Amino acid sequence: MNQNSFEGEASPLGEIFSAMEEHITELRTRLIIAAAGLVVCVVICFFFSEPIMNFLCRPIGGLDNLKAIEITENVSSVFEVALLAGFILAFPLIAYEAFAFILPGLKETEKSVLFRFLPPVILFFLAGVCFAFFVVLPAAIPFLTSFMGIKTEIRPSDYISFSTNLIFWIGIVFEMPVIIYIAARMKLVRSSQLLKNWRQAVVVCAVLAMLITPTVDPVNMLLLMVPLIALYFLSILGAKIAENKA
């Protein structure tokens, strides 16, 4: 067997490694752009951290109701707020870079589906953020701070960590209808399959509500669980529409 035959056998492997290298390079570029955008947005939000914290503290009556007991507590809380606000500000860029990385490996019809649903991805995330801030937080805070009639001194580290985690995860969960619609257009899931498994979905929604809302109060859990279940059934409807358009 001559050398040319070995080269011929090795060429497919070389093509595979070359393609992998291109994908890794593309991924690295997209991650760098997304990370750079996030850093810039976090820095911008850091300079506006005081008005952002004042706004975030509205459910507890304002920034004056926080009581710090550690030297570094105020500083760490400011960084947490800047990180969350920066992520929300940078989310359109992060979502775009994620879509742009996926697009080269898709068909033209699939590419159009992804780009068409980039705005809804952003809007549903922002809707989740607003729902967490304007509905869940105002309902959860009074229960948590007055449980068993014990007076609670609210610390910046506790409140900021609690509120930012709640806002972030509810924003992510609100992406469910858009993600399932896209998956249905790509024939990865079917509406009949989703409808058949609705009981398991309700259990999953209950578990998510329990994990995201750190309170044993059933009222506060229901405030999140009901919208999650509604989002799931909305996702089934979206998947059915996607199947008819496919």
C-alpha atoms as a PDB file:
ATOM      1  CA  MET A   1       0.000   0.000   0.000  1.00  0.00           C
ATOM      2  CA  ASN A   2       1.569   3.286  -1.076  1.00  0.00           C
ATOM      3  CA  GLN A   3       1.764   6.583   0.766  1.00  0.00           C
ATOM      4  CA  ASN A   4      -0.984   8.170  -1.331  1.00  0.00           C
ATOM      5  CA  SER A   5      -3.498   5.566  -0.154  1.00  0.00           C
ATOM      6  CA  PHE A   6      -2.683   6.389   3.487  1.00  0.00           C
ATOM      7  CA  GLU A   7      -3.125  10.080   2.764  1.00  0.00           C
ATOM      8  CA  GLY A   8      -6.439   9.308   1.093  1.00  0.00           C
ATOM      9  CA  GLU A   9      -7.601   7.373   4.153  1.00  0.00           C
ATOM     10  CA  ALA A  10      -6.420  10.066   6.521  1.00  0.00           C
ATOM     11  CA  SER A  11      -8.066  12.956   4.682  1.00  0.00           C
ATOM     12  CA  PRO A  12     -11.598  12.381   6.058  1.00  0.00           C
ATOM     13  CA  LEU A  13     -10.179  12.357   9.579  1.00  0.00           C
ATOM     14  CA  GLY A  14      -8.289  15.541   8.803  1.00  0.00           C
ATOM     15  CA  GLU A  15     -11.491  17.153   7.571  1.00  0.00           C
ATOM     16  CA  ILE A  16     -13.248  16.193  10.796  1.00  0.00           C
ATOM     17  CA  PHE A  17     -10.489  17.725  12.921  1.00  0.00           C
ATOM     18  CA  SER A  18     -10.475  20.827  10.733  1.00  0.00           C
ATOM     19  CA  ALA A  19     -14.253  21.218  11.139  1.00  0.00           C
ATOM     20  CA  MET A  20     -13.977  20.722  14.904  1.00  0.00           C
ATOM     21  CA  GLU A  21     -11.255  23.355  15.060  1.00  0.00           C
ATOM     22  CA  GLU A  22     -13.439  25.804  13.137  1.00  0.00           C
ATOM     23  CA  HIS A  23     -16.367  25.189  15.500  1.00  0.00           C
ATOM     24  CA  ILE A  24     -14.153  25.649  18.564  1.00  0.00           C
ATOM     25  CA  THR A  25     -12.738  28.871  17.124  1.00  0.00           C
ATOM     26  CA  GLU A  26     -16.249  30.105  16.351  1.00  0.00           C
ATOM     27  CA  LEU A  27     -17.432  29.195  19.859  1.00  0.00           C
ATOM     28  CA  ARG A  28     -14.471  30.980  21.424  1.00  0.00           C
ATOM     29  CA  THR A  29     -15.145  34.104  19.354  1.00  0.00           C
ATOM     30  CA  ARG A  30     -18.831  34.142  20.291  1.00  0.00           C
ATOM     31  CA  LEU A  31     -18.045  33.598  23.979  1.00  0.00           C
ATOM     32  CA  ILE A  32     -15.474  36.411  23.966  1.00  0.00           C
ATOM     33  CA  ILE A  33     -17.946  38.828  22.356  1.00  0.00           C
ATOM     34  CA  ALA A  34     -20.724  37.855  24.785  1.00  0.00           C
ATOM     35  CA  ALA A  35     -18.380  38.066  27.789  1.00  0.00           C
ATOM     36  CA  ALA A  36     -17.001  41.431  26.664  1.00  0.00           C
ATOM     37  CA  GLY A  37     -20.534  42.778  26.232  1.00  0.00           C
ATOM     38  CA  LEU A  38     -21.488  41.478  29.679  1.00  0.00           C
ATOM     39  CA  VAL A  39     -18.430  43.093  31.289  1.00  0.00           C
ATOM     40  CA  VAL A  40     -19.175  46.446  29.632  1.00  0.00           C
ATOM     41  CA  CYS A  41     -22.823  46.323  30.750  1.00  0.00           C
ATOM     42  CA  VAL A  42     -21.848  45.327  34.300  1.00  0.00           C
ATOM     43  CA  VAL A  43     -19.401  48.251  34.495  1.00  0.00           C
ATOM     44  CA  ILE A  44     -22.068  50.652  33.218  1.00  0.00           C
ATOM     45  CA  CYS A  45     -24.597  49.326  35.746  1.00  0.00           C
ATOM     46  CA  PHE A  46     -22.009  49.584  38.537  1.00  0.00           C
ATOM     47  CA  PHE A  47     -21.878  53.366  38.056  1.00  0.00           C
ATOM     48  CA  PHE A  48     -25.675  53.456  38.289  1.00  0.00           C
ATOM     49  CA  SER A  49     -25.832  50.951  41.142  1.00  0.00           C
ATOM     50  CA  GLU A  50     -27.394  53.351  43.670  1.00  0.00           C
ATOM     51  CA  PRO A  51     -30.565  54.179  41.656  1.00  0.00           C
ATOM     52  CA  ILE A  52     -30.796  50.522  40.579  1.00  0.00           C
ATOM     53  CA  MET A  53     -30.600  49.392  44.224  1.00  0.00           C
ATOM     54  CA  ASN A  54     -33.179  51.993  45.209  1.00  0.00           C
ATOM     55  CA  PHE A  55     -35.516  50.592  42.563  1.00  0.00           C
ATOM     56  CA  LEU A  56     -34.786  46.976  43.541  1.00  0.00           C
ATOM     57  CA  CYS A  57     -35.566  47.775  47.195  1.00  0.00           C
ATOM     58  CA  ARG A  58     -39.033  49.170  46.470  1.00  0.00           C
ATOM     59  CA  PRO A  59     -40.758  45.934  47.661  1.00  0.00           C
ATOM     60  CA  ILE A  60     -39.263  46.475  51.142  1.00  0.00           C
ATOM     61  CA  GLY A  61     -39.975  50.200  51.263  1.00  0.00           C
ATOM     62  CA  GLY A  62     -36.648  51.529  49.991  1.00  0.00           C
ATOM     63  CA  LEU A  63     -32.919  51.285  50.504  1.00  0.00           C
ATOM     64  CA  ASP A  64     -33.141  52.825  53.993  1.00  0.00           C
ATOM     65  CA  ASN A  65     -34.794  49.660  55.341  1.00  0.00           C
ATOM     66  CA  LEU A  66     -31.639  47.589  54.808  1.00  0.00           C
ATOM     67  CA  LYS A  67     -29.336  47.071  57.798  1.00  0.00           C
ATOM     68  CA  ALA A  68     -25.766  45.938  57.169  1.00  0.00           C
ATOM     69  CA  ILE A  69     -23.844  44.130  59.933  1.00  0.00           C
ATOM     70  CA  GLU A  70     -20.650  43.293  58.037  1.00  0.00           C
ATOM     71  CA  ILE A  71     -18.013  45.684  56.700  1.00  0.00           C
ATOM     72  CA  THR A  72     -17.996  44.299  53.146  1.00  0.00           C
ATOM     73  CA  GLU A  73     -21.711  43.607  52.926  1.00  0.00           C
ATOM     74  CA  ASN A  74     -22.678  46.822  51.147  1.00  0.00           C
ATOM     75  CA  VAL A  75     -19.921  46.470  48.552  1.00  0.00           C
ATOM     76  CA  SER A  76     -20.725  42.823  47.745  1.00  0.00           C
ATOM     77  CA  SER A  77     -24.422  43.689  47.415  1.00  0.00           C
ATOM     78  CA  VAL A  78     -23.622  46.457  44.936  1.00  0.00           C
ATOM     79  CA  PHE A  79     -21.611  44.002  42.825  1.00  0.00           C
ATOM     80  CA  GLU A  80     -24.487  41.495  42.837  1.00  0.00           C
ATOM     81  CA  VAL A  81     -26.925  44.164  41.671  1.00  0.00           C
ATOM     82  CA  ALA A  82     -24.516  45.364  38.974  1.00  0.00           C
ATOM     83  CA  LEU A  83     -24.070  41.774  37.766  1.00  0.00           C
ATOM     84  CA  LEU A  84     -27.811  41.116  37.476  1.00  0.00           C
ATOM     85  CA  ALA A  85     -28.551  44.482  35.873  1.00  0.00           C
ATOM     86  CA  GLY A  86     -25.596  44.033  33.539  1.00  0.00           C
ATOM     87  CA  PHE A  87     -26.824  40.591  32.495  1.00  0.00           C
ATOM     88  CA  ILE A  88     -30.319  41.932  31.765  1.00  0.00           C
ATOM     89  CA  LEU A  89     -28.803  44.782  29.750  1.00  0.00           C
ATOM     90  CA  ALA A  90     -26.486  42.422  27.854  1.00  0.00           C
ATOM     91  CA  PHE A  91     -29.079  39.677  27.360  1.00  0.00           C
ATOM     92  CA  PRO A  92     -29.998  40.699  23.772  1.00  0.00           C
ATOM     93  CA  LEU A  93     -26.310  40.462  22.768  1.00  0.00           C
ATOM     94  CA  ILE A  94     -25.824  37.152  24.621  1.00  0.00           C
ATOM     95  CA  ALA A  95     -28.937  35.680  22.984  1.00  0.00           C
ATOM     96  CA  TYR A  96     -27.815  36.899  19.549  1.00  0.00           C
ATOM     97  CA  GLU A  97     -24.348  35.366  19.928  1.00  0.00           C
ATOM     98  CA  ALA A  98     -25.884  32.052  21.018  1.00  0.00           C
ATOM     99  CA  PHE A  99     -28.186  32.064  17.977  1.00  0.00           C
ATOM    100  CA  ALA A 100     -25.340  33.090  15.645  1.00  0.00           C
ATOM    101  CA  PHE A 101     -23.231  30.153  16.839  1.00  0.00           C
ATOM    102  CA  ILE A 102     -26.045  27.655  16.206  1.00  0.00           C
ATOM    103  CA  LEU A 103     -27.053  29.045  12.800  1.00  0.00           C
ATOM    104  CA  PRO A 104     -24.189  27.763  10.557  1.00  0.00           C
ATOM    105  CA  GLY A 105     -25.169  24.145  11.194  1.00  0.00           C
ATOM    106  CA  LEU A 106     -28.850  24.657  10.364  1.00  0.00           C
ATOM    107  CA  LYS A 107     -30.918  24.634   7.193  1.00  0.00           C
ATOM    108  CA  GLU A 108     -32.146  27.930   5.733  1.00  0.00           C
ATOM    109  CA  THR A 109     -35.691  27.376   7.039  1.00  0.00           C
ATOM    110  CA  GLU A 110     -34.351  26.627  10.524  1.00  0.00           C
ATOM    111  CA  LYS A 111     -32.190  29.759  10.432  1.00  0.00           C
ATOM    112  CA  SER A 112     -35.225  31.898   9.637  1.00  0.00           C
ATOM    113  CA  VAL A 113     -37.103  30.364  12.575  1.00  0.00           C
ATOM    114  CA  LEU A 114     -34.264  31.158  14.992  1.00  0.00           C
ATOM    115  CA  PHE A 115     -33.760  34.742  13.883  1.00  0.00           C
ATOM    116  CA  ARG A 116     -37.497  35.428  13.806  1.00  0.00           C
ATOM    117  CA  PHE A 117     -37.769  34.337  17.422  1.00  0.00           C
ATOM    118  CA  LEU A 118     -34.802  36.242  18.775  1.00  0.00           C
ATOM    119  CA  PRO A 119     -37.039  39.218  19.780  1.00  0.00           C
ATOM    120  CA  PRO A 120     -39.593  36.951  21.560  1.00  0.00           C
ATOM    121  CA  VAL A 121     -36.742  35.276  23.478  1.00  0.00           C
ATOM    122  CA  ILE A 122     -35.701  38.705  24.766  1.00  0.00           C
ATOM    123  CA  LEU A 123     -39.282  39.820  25.459  1.00  0.00           C
ATOM    124  CA  PHE A 124     -40.210  36.647  27.373  1.00  0.00           C
ATOM    125  CA  PHE A 125     -37.084  36.987  29.525  1.00  0.00           C
ATOM    126  CA  LEU A 126     -37.972  40.601  30.325  1.00  0.00           C
ATOM    127  CA  ALA A 127     -41.570  39.546  31.023  1.00  0.00           C
ATOM    128  CA  GLY A 128     -40.261  37.021  33.561  1.00  0.00           C
ATOM    129  CA  VAL A 129     -38.076  39.683  35.171  1.00  0.00           C
ATOM    130  CA  CYS A 130     -41.049  42.042  35.472  1.00  0.00           C
ATOM    131  CA  PHE A 131     -43.298  39.283  36.829  1.00  0.00           C
ATOM    132  CA  ALA A 132     -40.718  38.423  39.495  1.00  0.00           C
ATOM    133  CA  PHE A 133     -40.245  42.029  40.552  1.00  0.00           C
ATOM    134  CA  PHE A 134     -43.798  43.335  40.416  1.00  0.00           C
ATOM    135  CA  VAL A 135     -45.750  40.209  41.464  1.00  0.00           C
ATOM    136  CA  VAL A 136     -43.640  37.585  43.255  1.00  0.00           C
ATOM    137  CA  LEU A 137     -41.363  39.810  45.339  1.00  0.00           C
ATOM    138  CA  PRO A 138     -44.150  42.063  46.753  1.00  0.00           C
ATOM    139  CA  ALA A 139     -46.075  38.922  47.753  1.00  0.00           C
ATOM    140  CA  ALA A 140     -43.116  37.009  49.216  1.00  0.00           C
ATOM    141  CA  ILE A 141     -41.404  39.784  51.202  1.00  0.00           C
ATOM    142  CA  PRO A 142     -44.252  40.532  53.683  1.00  0.00           C
ATOM    143  CA  PHE A 143     -44.649  36.822  54.456  1.00  0.00           C
ATOM    144  CA  LEU A 144     -40.922  36.257  54.970  1.00  0.00           C
ATOM    145  CA  THR A 145     -40.350  39.347  57.109  1.00  0.00           C
ATOM    146  CA  SER A 146     -43.387  38.807  59.383  1.00  0.00           C
ATOM    147  CA  PHE A 147     -43.371  35.025  59.738  1.00  0.00           C
ATOM    148  CA  MET A 148     -44.451  33.978  63.270  1.00  0.00           C
ATOM    149  CA  GLY A 149     -44.595  37.643  64.256  1.00  0.00           C
ATOM    150  CA  ILE A 150     -40.808  37.909  64.596  1.00  0.00           C
ATOM    151  CA  LYS A 151     -39.372  41.289  63.610  1.00  0.00           C
ATOM    152  CA  THR A 152     -36.875  40.963  60.790  1.00  0.00           C
ATOM    153  CA  GLU A 153     -33.921  43.240  60.150  1.00  0.00           C
ATOM    154  CA  ILE A 154     -33.309  42.944  56.422  1.00  0.00           C
ATOM    155  CA  ARG A 155     -29.628  42.661  55.514  1.00  0.00           C
ATOM    156  CA  PRO A 156     -28.371  43.870  52.119  1.00  0.00           C
ATOM    157  CA  SER A 157     -26.570  40.593  51.386  1.00  0.00           C
ATOM    158  CA  ASP A 158     -29.651  38.473  52.134  1.00  0.00           C
ATOM    159  CA  TYR A 159     -32.182  40.646  50.318  1.00  0.00           C
ATOM    160  CA  ILE A 160     -30.040  41.313  47.249  1.00  0.00           C
ATOM    161  CA  SER A 161     -29.061  37.649  46.898  1.00  0.00           C
ATOM    162  CA  PHE A 162     -32.677  36.542  47.365  1.00  0.00           C
ATOM    163  CA  SER A 163     -34.173  39.073  44.947  1.00  0.00           C
ATOM    164  CA  THR A 164     -31.531  38.795  42.209  1.00  0.00           C
ATOM    165  CA  ASN A 165     -31.699  34.971  42.185  1.00  0.00           C
ATOM    166  CA  LEU A 166     -35.486  35.082  42.059  1.00  0.00           C
ATOM    167  CA  ILE A 167     -35.548  37.622  39.226  1.00  0.00           C
ATOM    168  CA  PHE A 168     -32.881  35.807  37.195  1.00  0.00           C
ATOM    169  CA  TRP A 169     -34.389  32.301  37.396  1.00  0.00           C
ATOM    170  CA  ILE A 170     -37.952  33.409  36.754  1.00  0.00           C
ATOM    171  CA  GLY A 171     -36.685  35.302  33.704  1.00  0.00           C
ATOM    172  CA  ILE A 172     -35.008  32.123  32.445  1.00  0.00           C
ATOM    173  CA  VAL A 173     -38.080  29.950  33.115  1.00  0.00           C
ATOM    174  CA  PHE A 174     -40.279  32.343  31.112  1.00  0.00           C
ATOM    175  CA  GLU A 175     -38.319  31.350  27.992  1.00  0.00           C
ATOM    176  CA  MET A 176     -40.131  27.988  27.929  1.00  0.00           C
ATOM    177  CA  PRO A 177     -42.829  28.800  25.296  1.00  0.00           C
ATOM    178  CA  VAL A 178     -40.340  30.225  22.805  1.00  0.00           C
ATOM    179  CA  ILE A 179     -37.850  27.384  23.251  1.00  0.00           C
ATOM    180  CA  ILE A 180     -40.536  24.706  22.828  1.00  0.00           C
ATOM    181  CA  TYR A 181     -41.942  26.485  19.759  1.00  0.00           C
ATOM    182  CA  ILE A 182     -38.497  26.523  18.127  1.00  0.00           C
ATOM    183  CA  ALA A 183     -37.973  22.861  19.068  1.00  0.00           C
ATOM    184  CA  ALA A 184     -41.348  21.976  17.533  1.00  0.00           C
ATOM    185  CA  ARG A 185     -40.521  23.824  14.305  1.00  0.00           C
ATOM    186  CA  MET A 186     -37.326  21.757  14.124  1.00  0.00           C
ATOM    187  CA  LYS A 187     -39.381  18.589  14.823  1.00  0.00           C
ATOM    188  CA  LEU A 188     -37.551  17.851  18.080  1.00  0.00           C
ATOM    189  CA  VAL A 189     -40.781  17.697  20.117  1.00  0.00           C
ATOM    190  CA  ARG A 190     -44.468  17.227  19.334  1.00  0.00           C
ATOM    191  CA  SER A 191     -47.521  18.863  20.891  1.00  0.00           C
ATOM    192  CA  SER A 192     -49.215  15.473  21.386  1.00  0.00           C
ATOM    193  CA  GLN A 193     -46.206  14.272  23.364  1.00  0.00           C
ATOM    194  CA  LEU A 194     -46.243  17.406  25.540  1.00  0.00           C
ATOM    195  CA  LEU A 195     -50.000  17.103  26.149  1.00  0.00           C
ATOM    196  CA  LYS A 196     -49.674  13.426  27.039  1.00  0.00           C
ATOM    197  CA  ASN A 197     -47.067  14.266  29.717  1.00  0.00           C
ATOM    198  CA  TRP A 198     -48.960  17.188  31.272  1.00  0.00           C
ATOM    199  CA  ARG A 199     -49.213  15.517  34.690  1.00  0.00           C
ATOM    200  CA  GLN A 200     -45.446  15.091  34.910  1.00  0.00           C
ATOM    201  CA  ALA A 201     -45.070  18.703  33.728  1.00  0.00           C
ATOM    202  CA  VAL A 202     -47.284  19.950  36.567  1.00  0.00           C
ATOM    203  CA  VAL A 203     -45.087  18.102  39.070  1.00  0.00           C
ATOM    204  CA  VAL A 204     -41.967  19.621  37.489  1.00  0.00           C
ATOM    205  CA  CYS A 205     -43.558  23.085  37.662  1.00  0.00           C
ATOM    206  CA  ALA A 206     -44.328  22.549  41.345  1.00  0.00           C
ATOM    207  CA  VAL A 207     -40.729  21.493  42.033  1.00  0.00           C
ATOM    208  CA  LEU A 208     -39.373  24.499  40.108  1.00  0.00           C
ATOM    209  CA  ALA A 209     -41.683  26.852  42.023  1.00  0.00           C
ATOM    210  CA  MET A 210     -40.482  25.340  45.286  1.00  0.00           C
ATOM    211  CA  LEU A 211     -36.811  25.703  44.318  1.00  0.00           C
ATOM    212  CA  ILE A 212     -37.060  29.217  42.895  1.00  0.00           C
ATOM    213  CA  THR A 213     -39.272  30.622  45.677  1.00  0.00           C
ATOM    214  CA  PRO A 214     -37.435  30.074  48.983  1.00  0.00           C
ATOM    215  CA  THR A 215     -40.551  30.042  51.160  1.00  0.00           C
ATOM    216  CA  VAL A 216     -42.819  27.312  52.460  1.00  0.00           C
ATOM    217  CA  ASP A 217     -45.871  29.533  52.056  1.00  0.00           C
ATOM    218  CA  PRO A 218     -48.201  27.797  49.543  1.00  0.00           C
ATOM    219  CA  VAL A 219     -49.618  31.154  48.411  1.00  0.00           C
ATOM    220  CA  ASN A 220     -46.215  32.384  47.231  1.00  0.00           C
ATOM    221  CA  MET A 221     -45.464  29.034  45.608  1.00  0.00           C
ATOM    222  CA  LEU A 222     -48.789  29.166  43.763  1.00  0.00           C
ATOM    223  CA  LEU A 223     -47.971  32.692  42.551  1.00  0.00           C
ATOM    224  CA  LEU A 224     -45.131  31.145  40.571  1.00  0.00           C
ATOM    225  CA  MET A 225     -46.510  27.640  39.989  1.00  0.00           C
ATOM    226  CA  VAL A 226     -49.706  28.797  38.254  1.00  0.00           C
ATOM    227  CA  PRO A 227     -47.886  30.953  35.654  1.00  0.00           C
ATOM    228  CA  LEU A 228     -45.419  28.098  35.053  1.00  0.00           C
ATOM    229  CA  ILE A 229     -48.274  25.677  34.332  1.00  0.00           C
ATOM    230  CA  ALA A 230     -49.928  28.310  32.124  1.00  0.00           C
ATOM    231  CA  LEU A 231     -46.631  28.739  30.255  1.00  0.00           C
ATOM    232  CA  TYR A 232     -46.444  24.982  29.715  1.00  0.00           C
ATOM    233  CA  PHE A 233     -49.909  24.786  28.171  1.00  0.00           C
ATOM    234  CA  LEU A 234     -49.123  27.902  26.144  1.00  0.00           C
ATOM    235  CA  SER A 235     -46.040  26.019  24.940  1.00  0.00           C
ATOM    236  CA  ILE A 236     -48.260  23.110  23.824  1.00  0.00           C
ATOM    237  CA  LEU A 237     -50.393  25.526  21.811  1.00  0.00           C
ATOM    238  CA  GLY A 238     -47.255  27.074  20.329  1.00  0.00           C
ATOM    239  CA  ALA A 239     -45.914  23.618  19.439  1.00  0.00           C
ATOM    240  CA  LYS A 240     -49.222  22.785  17.679  1.00  0.00           C
ATOM    241  CA  ILE A 241     -49.014  26.011  15.663  1.00  0.00           C
ATOM    242  CA  ALA A 242     -45.386  25.246  14.825  1.00  0.00           C
ATOM    243  CA  GLU A 243     -46.338  21.778  13.550  1.00  0.00           C
ATOM    244  CA  ASN A 244     -48.986  23.222  11.268  1.00  0.00           C
ATOM    245  CA  LYS A 245     -46.453  25.653   9.810  1.00  0.00           C
ATOM    246  CA  ALA A 246     -43.700  23.062   9.405  1.00  0.00           C
END
